[in-house]
Amino acid sequence: MLKLVELPAAQVRQAQATPGQPSATQAIAGTMRERCPHCHGPLQLVLRHQQVMRSHLHCGRCDRCFDALHADGRSALASTGLAPE
C-alpha cells in the first residue's frame, strides 16, 4: 500500500502550468489507479522531463501534486529510490 504525500507545485515544476492543465512539456505516462485524497479525482503519473524537476502524481481536478511513498518512507516514484529529504 502506498501513502500519498502532497508536494508543493514549486517543488516539482520549474514553470507553473495553468491550473488543472499539466504543462505541454510534462510527460504524462497515464492515469493511475490511485485517486486524489482531496477531491477523489484520477491521478496522472507525470515523468521528469524538461520543466518537471521530479516525477510525481498530478490531479487535474484540483491541480495538486503528490509523491507515493512505500511503508519505509522510500519514494515509489524517485529514480534513486532514496528516502525523501
PDB file of N, CA and C in Angstrom:
ATOM      1  N   MET A   1       0.842  -1.175   0.000  1.00  0.00           N
ATOM      2  CA  MET A   1       0.000   0.000   0.000  1.00  0.00           C
ATOM      3  C   MET A   1       0.891   1.243   0.000  1.00  0.00           C
ATOM      4  N   LEU A   2       0.607   2.174  -0.866  1.00  0.00           N
ATOM      5  CA  LEU A   2       1.383   3.408  -0.958  1.00  0.00           C
ATOM      6  C   LEU A   2       0.687   4.528  -0.207  1.00  0.00           C
ATOM      7  N   LYS A   3       1.484   5.391   0.406  1.00  0.00           N
ATOM      8  CA  LYS A   3       0.967   6.567   1.105  1.00  0.00           C
ATOM      9  C   LYS A   3       1.209   7.769   0.198  1.00  0.00           C
ATOM     10  N   LEU A   4       0.160   8.554  -0.072  1.00  0.00           N
ATOM     11  CA  LEU A   4       0.306   9.743  -0.898  1.00  0.00           C
ATOM     12  C   LEU A   4       0.622  10.944  -0.023  1.00  0.00           C
ATOM     13  N   VAL A   5       1.666  11.677  -0.405  1.00  0.00           N
ATOM     14  CA  VAL A   5       2.096  12.868   0.325  1.00  0.00           C
ATOM     15  C   VAL A   5       2.070  14.035  -0.651  1.00  0.00           C
ATOM     16  N   GLU A   6       1.348  15.102  -0.272  1.00  0.00           N
ATOM     17  CA  GLU A   6       1.244  16.252  -1.159  1.00  0.00           C
ATOM     18  C   GLU A   6       2.569  16.990  -1.246  1.00  0.00           C
ATOM     19  N   LEU A   7       2.917  17.405  -2.451  1.00  0.00           N
ATOM     20  CA  LEU A   7       4.131  18.170  -2.721  1.00  0.00           C
ATOM     21  C   LEU A   7       3.745  19.563  -3.212  1.00  0.00           C
ATOM     22  N   PRO A   8       4.474  20.590  -2.782  1.00  0.00           N
ATOM     23  CA  PRO A   8       4.224  21.921  -3.357  1.00  0.00           C
ATOM     24  C   PRO A   8       4.562  21.907  -4.843  1.00  0.00           C
ATOM     25  N   ALA A   9       3.725  22.565  -5.655  1.00  0.00           N
ATOM     26  CA  ALA A   9       3.960  22.593  -7.107  1.00  0.00           C
ATOM     27  C   ALA A   9       5.344  23.134  -7.429  1.00  0.00           C
ATOM     28  N   ALA A  10       5.816  24.100  -6.644  1.00  0.00           N
ATOM     29  CA  ALA A  10       7.136  24.680  -6.887  1.00  0.00           C
ATOM     30  C   ALA A  10       8.249  23.651  -6.690  1.00  0.00           C
ATOM     31  N   GLN A  11       7.987  22.598  -5.943  1.00  0.00           N
ATOM     32  CA  GLN A  11       8.988  21.559  -5.702  1.00  0.00           C
ATOM     33  C   GLN A  11       9.098  20.595  -6.881  1.00  0.00           C
ATOM     34  N   VAL A  12       8.061  20.526  -7.712  1.00  0.00           N
ATOM     35  CA  VAL A  12       8.084  19.568  -8.811  1.00  0.00           C
ATOM     36  C   VAL A  12       8.149  20.213 -10.188  1.00  0.00           C
ATOM     37  N   ARG A  13       7.726  21.480 -10.302  1.00  0.00           N
ATOM     38  CA  ARG A  13       7.689  22.151 -11.605  1.00  0.00           C
ATOM     39  C   ARG A  13       8.505  23.437 -11.574  1.00  0.00           C
ATOM     40  N   GLN A  14       9.317  23.633 -12.580  1.00  0.00           N
ATOM     41  CA  GLN A  14      10.087  24.871 -12.685  1.00  0.00           C
ATOM     42  C   GLN A  14       9.220  25.997 -13.222  1.00  0.00           C
ATOM     43  N   ALA A  15       8.269  25.675 -14.081  1.00  0.00           N
ATOM     44  CA  ALA A  15       7.365  26.681 -14.635  1.00  0.00           C
ATOM     45  C   ALA A  15       5.949  26.264 -14.295  1.00  0.00           C
ATOM     46  N   GLN A  16       5.192  27.175 -13.722  1.00  0.00           N
ATOM     47  CA  GLN A  16       3.839  26.860 -13.296  1.00  0.00           C
ATOM     48  C   GLN A  16       2.943  26.600 -14.506  1.00  0.00           C
ATOM     49  N   ALA A  17       2.244  25.500 -14.473  1.00  0.00           N
ATOM     50  CA  ALA A  17       1.282  25.189 -15.527  1.00  0.00           C
ATOM     51  C   ALA A  17      -0.033  25.892 -15.215  1.00  0.00           C
ATOM     52  N   THR A  18      -0.892  25.987 -16.195  1.00  0.00           N
ATOM     53  CA  THR A  18      -2.221  26.523 -15.972  1.00  0.00           C
ATOM     54  C   THR A  18      -2.946  25.601 -14.995  1.00  0.00           C
ATOM     55  N   PRO A  19      -3.619  26.134 -13.968  1.00  0.00           N
ATOM     56  CA  PRO A  19      -4.309  25.270 -13.010  1.00  0.00           C
ATOM     57  C   PRO A  19      -5.209  24.256 -13.702  1.00  0.00           C
ATOM     58  N   GLY A  20      -5.073  23.014 -13.280  1.00  0.00           N
ATOM     59  CA  GLY A  20      -5.867  21.939 -13.853  1.00  0.00           C
ATOM     60  C   GLY A  20      -5.341  21.387 -15.167  1.00  0.00           C
ATOM     61  N   GLN A  21      -4.337  22.010 -15.738  1.00  0.00           N
ATOM     62  CA  GLN A  21      -3.766  21.561 -17.009  1.00  0.00           C
ATOM     63  C   GLN A  21      -2.263  21.373 -16.862  1.00  0.00           C
ATOM     64  N   PRO A  22      -1.769  20.154 -17.008  1.00  0.00           N
ATOM     65  CA  PRO A  22      -0.319  19.965 -16.971  1.00  0.00           C
ATOM     66  C   PRO A  22       0.340  20.744 -18.101  1.00  0.00           C
ATOM     67  N   SER A  23       1.545  21.177 -17.878  1.00  0.00           N
ATOM     68  CA  SER A  23       2.297  21.902 -18.900  1.00  0.00           C
ATOM     69  C   SER A  23       2.499  21.011 -20.124  1.00  0.00           C
ATOM     70  N   ALA A  24       2.562  21.616 -21.280  1.00  0.00           N
ATOM     71  CA  ALA A  24       2.759  20.857 -22.522  1.00  0.00           C
ATOM     72  C   ALA A  24       4.084  20.110 -22.521  1.00  0.00           C
ATOM     73  N   THR A  25       5.030  20.549 -21.689  1.00  0.00           N
ATOM     74  CA  THR A  25       6.338  19.894 -21.658  1.00  0.00           C
ATOM     75  C   THR A  25       6.376  18.748 -20.655  1.00  0.00           C
ATOM     76  N   GLN A  26       5.303  18.544 -19.914  1.00  0.00           N
ATOM     77  CA  GLN A  26       5.286  17.433 -18.973  1.00  0.00           C
ATOM     78  C   GLN A  26       4.985  16.143 -19.714  1.00  0.00           C
ATOM     79  N   ALA A  27       5.677  15.103 -19.350  1.00  0.00           N
ATOM     80  CA  ALA A  27       5.486  13.805 -19.980  1.00  0.00           C
ATOM     81  C   ALA A  27       4.526  12.977 -19.122  1.00  0.00           C
ATOM     82  N   ILE A  28       3.252  12.956 -19.510  1.00  0.00           N
ATOM     83  CA  ILE A  28       2.257  12.195 -18.753  1.00  0.00           C
ATOM     84  C   ILE A  28       2.280  10.759 -19.239  1.00  0.00           C
ATOM     85  N   ALA A  29       2.482   9.845 -18.289  1.00  0.00           N
ATOM     86  CA  ALA A  29       2.583   8.435 -18.636  1.00  0.00           C
ATOM     87  C   ALA A  29       1.234   7.736 -18.598  1.00  0.00           C
ATOM     88  N   GLY A  30       0.236   8.359 -18.000  1.00  0.00           N
ATOM     89  CA  GLY A  30      -1.093   7.753 -17.977  1.00  0.00           C
ATOM     90  C   GLY A  30      -1.783   7.933 -16.639  1.00  0.00           C
ATOM     91  N   THR A  31      -3.034   7.520 -16.603  1.00  0.00           N
ATOM     92  CA  THR A  31      -3.840   7.620 -15.396  1.00  0.00           C
ATOM     93  C   THR A  31      -3.539   6.435 -14.490  1.00  0.00           C
ATOM     94  N   MET A  32      -3.429   6.715 -13.207  1.00  0.00           N
ATOM     95  CA  MET A  32      -3.092   5.691 -12.221  1.00  0.00           C
ATOM     96  C   MET A  32      -4.359   5.202 -11.524  1.00  0.00           C
ATOM     97  N   ARG A  33      -4.264   4.116 -10.780  1.00  0.00           N
ATOM     98  CA  ARG A  33      -5.421   3.626 -10.022  1.00  0.00           C
ATOM     99  C   ARG A  33      -5.652   4.445  -8.758  1.00  0.00           C
ATOM    100  N   GLU A  34      -4.601   5.141  -8.285  1.00  0.00           N
ATOM    101  CA  GLU A  34      -4.727   5.966  -7.095  1.00  0.00           C
ATOM    102  C   GLU A  34      -5.616   7.172  -7.387  1.00  0.00           C
ATOM    103  N   ARG A  35      -6.348   7.618  -6.393  1.00  0.00           N
ATOM    104  CA  ARG A  35      -7.244   8.762  -6.511  1.00  0.00           C
ATOM    105  C   ARG A  35      -6.736   9.871  -5.594  1.00  0.00           C
ATOM    106  N   CYS A  36      -7.041  11.100  -5.952  1.00  0.00           N
ATOM    107  CA  CYS A  36      -6.642  12.258  -5.153  1.00  0.00           C
ATOM    108  C   CYS A  36      -7.315  12.178  -3.782  1.00  0.00           C
ATOM    109  N   PRO A  37      -6.551  12.305  -2.704  1.00  0.00           N
ATOM    110  CA  PRO A  37      -7.154  12.243  -1.373  1.00  0.00           C
ATOM    111  C   PRO A  37      -8.009  13.473  -1.043  1.00  0.00           C
ATOM    112  N   HIS A  38      -7.899  14.538  -1.827  1.00  0.00           N
ATOM    113  CA  HIS A  38      -8.661  15.763  -1.555  1.00  0.00           C
ATOM    114  C   HIS A  38      -9.980  15.802  -2.326  1.00  0.00           C
ATOM    115  N   CYS A  39      -9.944  15.527  -3.649  1.00  0.00           N
ATOM    116  CA  CYS A  39     -11.166  15.635  -4.464  1.00  0.00           C
ATOM    117  C   CYS A  39     -11.582  14.294  -5.079  1.00  0.00           C
ATOM    118  N   HIS A  40     -10.775  13.263  -4.875  1.00  0.00           N
ATOM    119  CA  HIS A  40     -11.027  11.908  -5.376  1.00  0.00           C
ATOM    120  C   HIS A  40     -10.982  11.803  -6.899  1.00  0.00           C
ATOM    121  N   GLY A  41     -10.354  12.791  -7.532  1.00  0.00           N
ATOM    122  CA  GLY A  41     -10.158  12.741  -8.977  1.00  0.00           C
ATOM    123  C   GLY A  41      -9.057  11.751  -9.331  1.00  0.00           C
ATOM    124  N   PRO A  42      -8.998  11.320 -10.576  1.00  0.00           N
ATOM    125  CA  PRO A  42      -7.944  10.392 -11.001  1.00  0.00           C
ATOM    126  C   PRO A  42      -6.582  11.094 -11.023  1.00  0.00           C
ATOM    127  N   LEU A  43      -5.565  10.383 -10.605  1.00  0.00           N
ATOM    128  CA  LEU A  43      -4.205  10.927 -10.618  1.00  0.00           C
ATOM    129  C   LEU A  43      -3.474  10.450 -11.865  1.00  0.00           C
ATOM    130  N   GLN A  44      -2.668  11.346 -12.426  1.00  0.00           N
ATOM    131  CA  GLN A  44      -1.854  11.012 -13.590  1.00  0.00           C
ATOM    132  C   GLN A  44      -0.396  10.989 -13.172  1.00  0.00           C
ATOM    133  N   LEU A  45       0.338  10.034 -13.721  1.00  0.00           N
ATOM    134  CA  LEU A  45       1.775   9.964 -13.487  1.00  0.00           C
ATOM    135  C   LEU A  45       2.459  10.941 -14.424  1.00  0.00           C
ATOM    136  N   VAL A  46       3.214  11.879 -13.852  1.00  0.00           N
ATOM    137  CA  VAL A  46       3.966  12.860 -14.640  1.00  0.00           C
ATOM    138  C   VAL A  46       5.440  12.538 -14.462  1.00  0.00           C
ATOM    139  N   LEU A  47       6.107  12.231 -15.551  1.00  0.00           N
ATOM    140  CA  LEU A  47       7.516  11.864 -15.502  1.00  0.00           C
ATOM    141  C   LEU A  47       8.404  13.099 -15.544  1.00  0.00           C
ATOM    142  N   ARG A  48       9.598  12.958 -15.046  1.00  0.00           N
ATOM    143  CA  ARG A  48      10.570  14.043 -15.063  1.00  0.00           C
ATOM    144  C   ARG A  48      10.978  14.309 -16.508  1.00  0.00           C
ATOM    145  N   HIS A  49      10.754  15.541 -16.961  1.00  0.00           N
ATOM    146  CA  HIS A  49      11.028  15.877 -18.354  1.00  0.00           C
ATOM    147  C   HIS A  49      11.031  17.389 -18.498  1.00  0.00           C
ATOM    148  N   GLN A  50      12.068  17.962 -18.990  1.00  0.00           N
ATOM    149  CA  GLN A  50      12.232  19.397 -19.226  1.00  0.00           C
ATOM    150  C   GLN A  50      11.894  20.222 -17.987  1.00  0.00           C
ATOM    151  N   GLN A  51      10.680  20.764 -17.864  1.00  0.00           N
ATOM    152  CA  GLN A  51      10.357  21.654 -16.756  1.00  0.00           C
ATOM    153  C   GLN A  51       9.938  20.934 -15.481  1.00  0.00           C
ATOM    154  N   VAL A  52       9.856  19.626 -15.520  1.00  0.00           N
ATOM    155  CA  VAL A  52       9.468  18.849 -14.347  1.00  0.00           C
ATOM    156  C   VAL A  52      10.725  18.404 -13.609  1.00  0.00           C
ATOM    157  N   MET A  53      10.839  18.834 -12.348  1.00  0.00           N
ATOM    158  CA  MET A  53      12.049  18.533 -11.581  1.00  0.00           C
ATOM    159  C   MET A  53      12.044  17.136 -10.982  1.00  0.00           C
ATOM    160  N   ARG A  54      10.864  16.557 -10.770  1.00  0.00           N
ATOM    161  CA  ARG A  54      10.794  15.196 -10.236  1.00  0.00           C
ATOM    162  C   ARG A  54       9.487  14.554 -10.678  1.00  0.00           C
ATOM    163  N   SER A  55       9.524  13.257 -10.828  1.00  0.00           N
ATOM    164  CA  SER A  55       8.314  12.527 -11.181  1.00  0.00           C
ATOM    165  C   SER A  55       7.320  12.637 -10.033  1.00  0.00           C
ATOM    166  N   HIS A  56       6.038  12.707 -10.376  1.00  0.00           N
ATOM    167  CA  HIS A  56       5.014  12.860  -9.346  1.00  0.00           C
ATOM    168  C   HIS A  56       3.655  12.458  -9.901  1.00  0.00           C
ATOM    169  N   LEU A  57       2.682  12.395  -9.030  1.00  0.00           N
ATOM    170  CA  LEU A  57       1.307  12.164  -9.420  1.00  0.00           C
ATOM    171  C   LEU A  57       0.597  13.509  -9.410  1.00  0.00           C
ATOM    172  N   HIS A  58      -0.203  13.782 -10.436  1.00  0.00           N
ATOM    173  CA  HIS A  58      -0.870  15.084 -10.564  1.00  0.00           C
ATOM    174  C   HIS A  58      -2.372  14.880 -10.662  1.00  0.00           C
ATOM    175  N   CYS A  59      -3.134  15.700  -9.928  1.00  0.00           N
ATOM    176  CA  CYS A  59      -4.584  15.700 -10.026  1.00  0.00           C
ATOM    177  C   CYS A  59      -4.997  16.861 -10.919  1.00  0.00           C
ATOM    178  N   GLY A  60      -5.629  16.572 -12.029  1.00  0.00           N
ATOM    179  CA  GLY A  60      -6.084  17.599 -12.954  1.00  0.00           C
ATOM    180  C   GLY A  60      -7.292  18.364 -12.445  1.00  0.00           C
ATOM    181  N   ARG A  61      -8.025  17.793 -11.505  1.00  0.00           N
ATOM    182  CA  ARG A  61      -9.204  18.478 -10.960  1.00  0.00           C
ATOM    183  C   ARG A  61      -8.818  19.608 -10.013  1.00  0.00           C
ATOM    184  N   CYS A  62      -7.948  19.314  -9.057  1.00  0.00           N
ATOM    185  CA  CYS A  62      -7.615  20.330  -8.042  1.00  0.00           C
ATOM    186  C   CYS A  62      -6.176  20.822  -8.178  1.00  0.00           C
ATOM    187  N   ASP A  63      -5.457  20.375  -9.205  1.00  0.00           N
ATOM    188  CA  ASP A  63      -4.093  20.816  -9.509  1.00  0.00           C
ATOM    189  C   ASP A  63      -3.125  20.606  -8.351  1.00  0.00           C
ATOM    190  N   ARG A  64      -3.252  19.469  -7.668  1.00  0.00           N
ATOM    191  CA  ARG A  64      -2.328  19.132  -6.587  1.00  0.00           C
ATOM    192  C   ARG A  64      -1.340  18.087  -7.084  1.00  0.00           C
ATOM    193  N   CYS A  65      -0.165  18.073  -6.464  1.00  0.00           N
ATOM    194  CA  CYS A  65       0.900  17.136  -6.815  1.00  0.00           C
ATOM    195  C   CYS A  65       1.205  16.258  -5.618  1.00  0.00           C
ATOM    196  N   PHE A  66       1.538  14.985  -5.887  1.00  0.00           N
ATOM    197  CA  PHE A  66       1.782  14.031  -4.813  1.00  0.00           C
ATOM    198  C   PHE A  66       2.990  13.160  -5.124  1.00  0.00           C
ATOM    199  N   ASP A  67       3.635  12.703  -4.053  1.00  0.00           N
ATOM    200  CA  ASP A  67       4.616  11.637  -4.156  1.00  0.00           C
ATOM    201  C   ASP A  67       3.945  10.412  -3.555  1.00  0.00           C
ATOM    202  N   ALA A  68       4.331   9.239  -3.977  1.00  0.00           N
ATOM    203  CA  ALA A  68       3.819   7.984  -3.434  1.00  0.00           C
ATOM    204  C   ALA A  68       4.951   7.324  -2.669  1.00  0.00           C
ATOM    205  N   LEU A  69       4.724   7.098  -1.365  1.00  0.00           N
ATOM    206  CA  LEU A  69       5.766   6.546  -0.510  1.00  0.00           C
ATOM    207  C   LEU A  69       5.447   5.118  -0.106  1.00  0.00           C
ATOM    208  N   HIS A  70       6.498   4.278  -0.080  1.00  0.00           N
ATOM    209  CA  HIS A  70       6.395   2.934   0.482  1.00  0.00           C
ATOM    210  C   HIS A  70       6.292   3.058   1.999  1.00  0.00           C
ATOM    211  N   ALA A  71       5.961   1.982   2.673  1.00  0.00           N
ATOM    212  CA  ALA A  71       5.815   1.982   4.131  1.00  0.00           C
ATOM    213  C   ALA A  71       7.100   2.427   4.841  1.00  0.00           C
ATOM    214  N   ASP A  72       8.266   2.172   4.237  1.00  0.00           N
ATOM    215  CA  ASP A  72       9.532   2.552   4.865  1.00  0.00           C
ATOM    216  C   ASP A  72       9.951   3.988   4.537  1.00  0.00           C
ATOM    217  N   GLY A  73       9.098   4.749   3.807  1.00  0.00           N
ATOM    218  CA  GLY A  73       9.390   6.145   3.509  1.00  0.00           C
ATOM    219  C   GLY A  73      10.091   6.388   2.189  1.00  0.00           C
ATOM    220  N   ARG A  74      10.465   5.323   1.467  1.00  0.00           N
ATOM    221  CA  ARG A  74      11.095   5.491   0.159  1.00  0.00           C
ATOM    222  C   ARG A  74      10.055   5.897  -0.873  1.00  0.00           C
ATOM    223  N   SER A  75      10.439   6.789  -1.757  1.00  0.00           N
ATOM    224  CA  SER A  75       9.549   7.204  -2.821  1.00  0.00           C
ATOM    225  C   SER A  75       9.422   6.098  -3.859  1.00  0.00           C
ATOM    226  N   ALA A  76       8.200   5.806  -4.240  1.00  0.00           N
ATOM    227  CA  ALA A  76       7.961   4.821  -5.305  1.00  0.00           C
ATOM    228  C   ALA A  76       8.212   5.440  -6.678  1.00  0.00           C
ATOM    229  N   LEU A  77       8.299   6.781  -6.730  1.00  0.00           N
ATOM    230  CA  LEU A  77       8.435   7.478  -7.996  1.00  0.00           C
ATOM    231  C   LEU A  77       9.857   7.981  -8.254  1.00  0.00           C
ATOM    232  N   ALA A  78      10.661   8.129  -7.205  1.00  0.00           N
ATOM    233  CA  ALA A  78      12.013   8.653  -7.365  1.00  0.00           C
ATOM    234  C   ALA A  78      12.882   7.630  -8.066  1.00  0.00           C
ATOM    235  N   SER A  79      13.686   8.102  -9.005  1.00  0.00           N
ATOM    236  CA  SER A  79      14.543   7.187  -9.761  1.00  0.00           C
ATOM    237  C   SER A  79      15.657   6.608  -8.900  1.00  0.00           C
ATOM    238  N   THR A  80      16.038   7.316  -7.830  1.00  0.00           N
ATOM    239  CA  THR A  80      17.118   6.821  -6.977  1.00  0.00           C
ATOM    240  C   THR A  80      16.613   5.873  -5.912  1.00  0.00           C
ATOM    241  N   GLY A  81      15.316   5.973  -5.560  1.00  0.00           N
ATOM    242  CA  GLY A  81      14.779   5.118  -4.522  1.00  0.00           C
ATOM    243  C   GLY A  81      15.186   5.556  -3.125  1.00  0.00           C
ATOM    244  N   LEU A  82      15.809   6.740  -3.009  1.00  0.00           N
ATOM    245  CA  LEU A  82      16.230   7.218  -1.697  1.00  0.00           C
ATOM    246  C   LEU A  82      15.065   7.800  -0.936  1.00  0.00           C
ATOM    247  N   ALA A  83      15.151   7.762   0.382  1.00  0.00           N
ATOM    248  CA  ALA A  83      14.111   8.365   1.221  1.00  0.00           C
ATOM    249  C   ALA A  83      14.084   9.861   0.973  1.00  0.00           C
ATOM    250  N   PRO A  84      12.902  10.481   1.044  1.00  0.00           N
ATOM    251  CA  PRO A  84      12.810  11.927   0.826  1.00  0.00           C
ATOM    252  C   PRO A  84      13.567  12.701   1.889  1.00  0.00           C
ATOM    253  N   GLU A  85      14.046  13.889   1.523  1.00  0.00           N
ATOM    254  CA  GLU A  85      14.816  14.700   2.473  1.00  0.00           C
ATOM    255  C   GLU A  85      13.910  15.351   3.463  1.00  0.00           C
TER     256      GLU A  85
END
